[in-house]
N, C-alpha and C. Protein backbone atom coordinates (compact mmCIF):
# COMPACT_ATOMS: atom_id res chain seq x y z
N MET A 1 89.38 120.03 119.20
CA MET A 1 89.21 118.91 120.23
C MET A 1 90.46 117.70 120.31
N GLU A 2 90.70 118.08 121.61
CA GLU A 2 92.01 116.55 121.63
C GLU A 2 91.00 116.83 123.38
N THR A 3 91.82 114.75 123.09
CA THR A 3 91.78 114.10 124.13
C THR A 3 92.80 113.69 125.15
N LYS A 4 93.03 113.60 126.47
CA LYS A 4 94.31 113.07 127.08
C LYS A 4 94.24 112.43 128.13
N ILE A 5 93.80 111.27 127.38
CA ILE A 5 92.75 109.78 127.99
C ILE A 5 94.48 108.94 127.77
N GLU A 6 94.69 108.54 129.81
CA GLU A 6 96.13 107.47 128.97
C GLU A 6 94.84 106.05 128.96
N LYS A 7 95.32 105.67 128.12
CA LYS A 7 94.69 103.92 127.97
C LYS A 7 95.97 102.49 128.18
N LYS A 8 95.35 102.08 128.76
CA LYS A 8 95.63 101.05 129.52
C LYS A 8 95.89 99.82 128.08
N PHE A 9 95.17 99.10 127.90
CA PHE A 9 95.09 98.12 126.62
C PHE A 9 94.33 99.05 125.65
N ASP A 10 95.33 99.39 124.82
CA ASP A 10 95.39 99.71 123.04
C ASP A 10 95.13 98.81 122.48
N ALA A 11 94.16 98.38 121.55
CA ALA A 11 93.06 97.25 120.64
C ALA A 11 93.96 97.57 119.50
N VAL A 12 94.18 98.59 119.32
CA VAL A 12 94.38 98.69 117.74
C VAL A 12 96.00 98.94 118.18
N LYS A 13 96.87 98.95 118.70
CA LYS A 13 97.91 98.31 118.88
C LYS A 13 98.00 97.46 118.99
N PHE A 14 97.53 96.42 119.70
CA PHE A 14 97.67 94.91 119.83
C PHE A 14 96.99 94.14 118.33
N ALA A 15 96.05 94.36 118.28
CA ALA A 15 95.61 93.77 116.95
C ALA A 15 96.59 94.08 115.73
N ARG A 16 97.63 95.44 115.54
CA ARG A 16 98.35 95.58 114.16
C ARG A 16 99.41 94.86 114.80
N GLU A 17 100.17 94.29 116.23
CA GLU A 17 101.13 93.92 116.31
C GLU A 17 101.09 92.39 116.63
N GLN A 18 100.03 91.64 116.77
CA GLN A 18 99.56 90.44 116.43
C GLN A 18 99.65 90.30 114.22
N LYS A 19 98.94 91.14 114.07
CA LYS A 19 99.38 91.16 112.06
C LYS A 19 100.41 90.82 112.20
N ASP A 20 101.45 91.49 112.21
CA ASP A 20 103.22 92.34 112.11
C ASP A 20 103.61 90.64 112.56
N ARG A 21 103.86 90.17 113.49
CA ARG A 21 104.09 89.01 114.08
C ARG A 21 103.21 87.63 113.15
N LEU A 22 102.56 87.36 112.78
CA LEU A 22 101.82 85.93 112.11
C LEU A 22 101.71 87.06 110.83
N ASP A 23 102.32 87.67 110.11
CA ASP A 23 102.73 87.92 108.60
C ASP A 23 103.58 87.57 108.75
N GLU A 24 105.01 88.03 109.89
CA GLU A 24 106.58 87.18 109.16
C GLU A 24 106.74 85.93 109.28
N MET A 25 105.35 85.36 110.25
CA MET A 25 105.90 83.84 110.69
C MET A 25 105.47 83.44 109.14
N PHE A 26 104.40 83.44 109.02
CA PHE A 26 103.30 82.76 107.75
C PHE A 26 104.50 83.50 106.43
N SER A 27 104.88 84.60 106.61
CA SER A 27 105.84 84.61 105.11
C SER A 27 107.35 83.58 104.91
N LYS A 28 107.56 82.85 106.21
CA LYS A 28 108.62 81.95 105.87
C LYS A 28 107.15 80.50 105.38
N MET A 29 106.60 80.50 106.11
CA MET A 29 106.00 78.74 105.07
C MET A 29 105.06 79.11 104.33
N THR A 30 104.54 77.95 104.15
CA THR A 30 104.19 77.13 102.89
C THR A 30 103.02 77.11 102.89
N LYS A 31 101.94 77.46 101.57
CA LYS A 31 100.87 77.16 102.32
C LYS A 31 99.82 75.71 103.19
N GLU A 32 100.97 74.73 103.00
CA GLU A 32 100.13 74.11 103.52
C GLU A 32 100.94 74.13 105.11
N GLU A 33 102.14 74.63 105.21
CA GLU A 33 102.50 74.65 106.93
C GLU A 33 101.27 76.30 107.08
N ILE A 34 100.91 76.98 106.57
CA ILE A 34 99.87 77.40 107.31
C ILE A 34 99.02 77.01 107.74
N LEU A 35 98.55 76.12 107.10
CA LEU A 35 97.33 75.82 107.37
C LEU A 35 96.87 74.80 107.99
N GLU A 36 98.07 73.45 108.21
CA GLU A 36 98.01 72.69 109.29
C GLU A 36 98.86 73.54 110.38
N TYR A 37 99.61 75.06 110.62
CA TYR A 37 99.59 75.28 112.14
C TYR A 37 98.58 75.77 112.78
N LEU A 38 97.44 76.52 111.39
CA LEU A 38 95.59 77.19 111.32
C LEU A 38 95.25 76.20 112.50
N LYS A 39 95.77 75.30 111.56
CA LYS A 39 94.35 73.78 111.97
C LYS A 39 94.26 73.06 113.70
N THR A 40 96.32 72.98 113.91
CA THR A 40 96.69 72.68 115.33
C THR A 40 95.98 74.01 116.72
N LYS A 41 96.79 76.00 115.75
CA LYS A 41 95.88 76.35 116.89
C LYS A 41 94.49 76.38 117.10
N SER A 42 93.52 75.67 116.08
CA SER A 42 92.48 76.46 116.52
C SER A 42 91.82 74.82 117.19
N ILE A 43 92.63 73.95 116.96
CA ILE A 43 91.72 71.89 117.38
C ILE A 43 92.81 72.77 119.62
N GLU A 44 94.07 73.21 119.82
CA GLU A 44 94.96 73.77 120.34
C GLU A 44 93.60 74.74 121.79
N ARG A 45 92.65 75.66 120.36
CA ARG A 45 92.59 76.89 122.18
C ARG A 45 90.19 76.09 121.57
N GLY A 46 90.12 74.56 120.90
CA GLY A 46 88.75 74.20 121.49
C GLY A 46 87.97 74.48 121.09
N ARG A 47 88.18 74.92 119.42
CA ARG A 47 87.27 75.54 118.30
C ARG A 47 86.56 74.22 117.56
N VAL A 48 85.48 74.74 117.20
CA VAL A 48 84.81 73.54 116.09
C VAL A 48 84.45 74.36 115.00
N LYS A 49 84.18 73.80 114.09
CA LYS A 49 83.76 74.48 112.75
C LYS A 49 82.34 73.69 112.76
N PRO A 50 81.68 74.98 112.83
CA PRO A 50 79.40 74.20 113.09
C PRO A 50 79.44 73.86 111.69
N SER A 51 78.62 72.98 111.73
CA SER A 51 78.75 71.76 110.53
C SER A 51 77.86 72.55 109.43
N ALA A 52 77.89 72.49 108.82
CA ALA A 52 77.26 73.19 107.20
C ALA A 52 75.96 72.18 107.02
């Protein structure tokens, strides 16, 4: 059974590209640099940790 549907957006391909991009970027950073990067990105997006 073959399906020939042309996708406008491929979520799996996008996720893999993002994973590869982050992996390449993080491989050049120290643990502290990675944590600082993630913290600043979280603040930029306006995400707040839920209180424990």
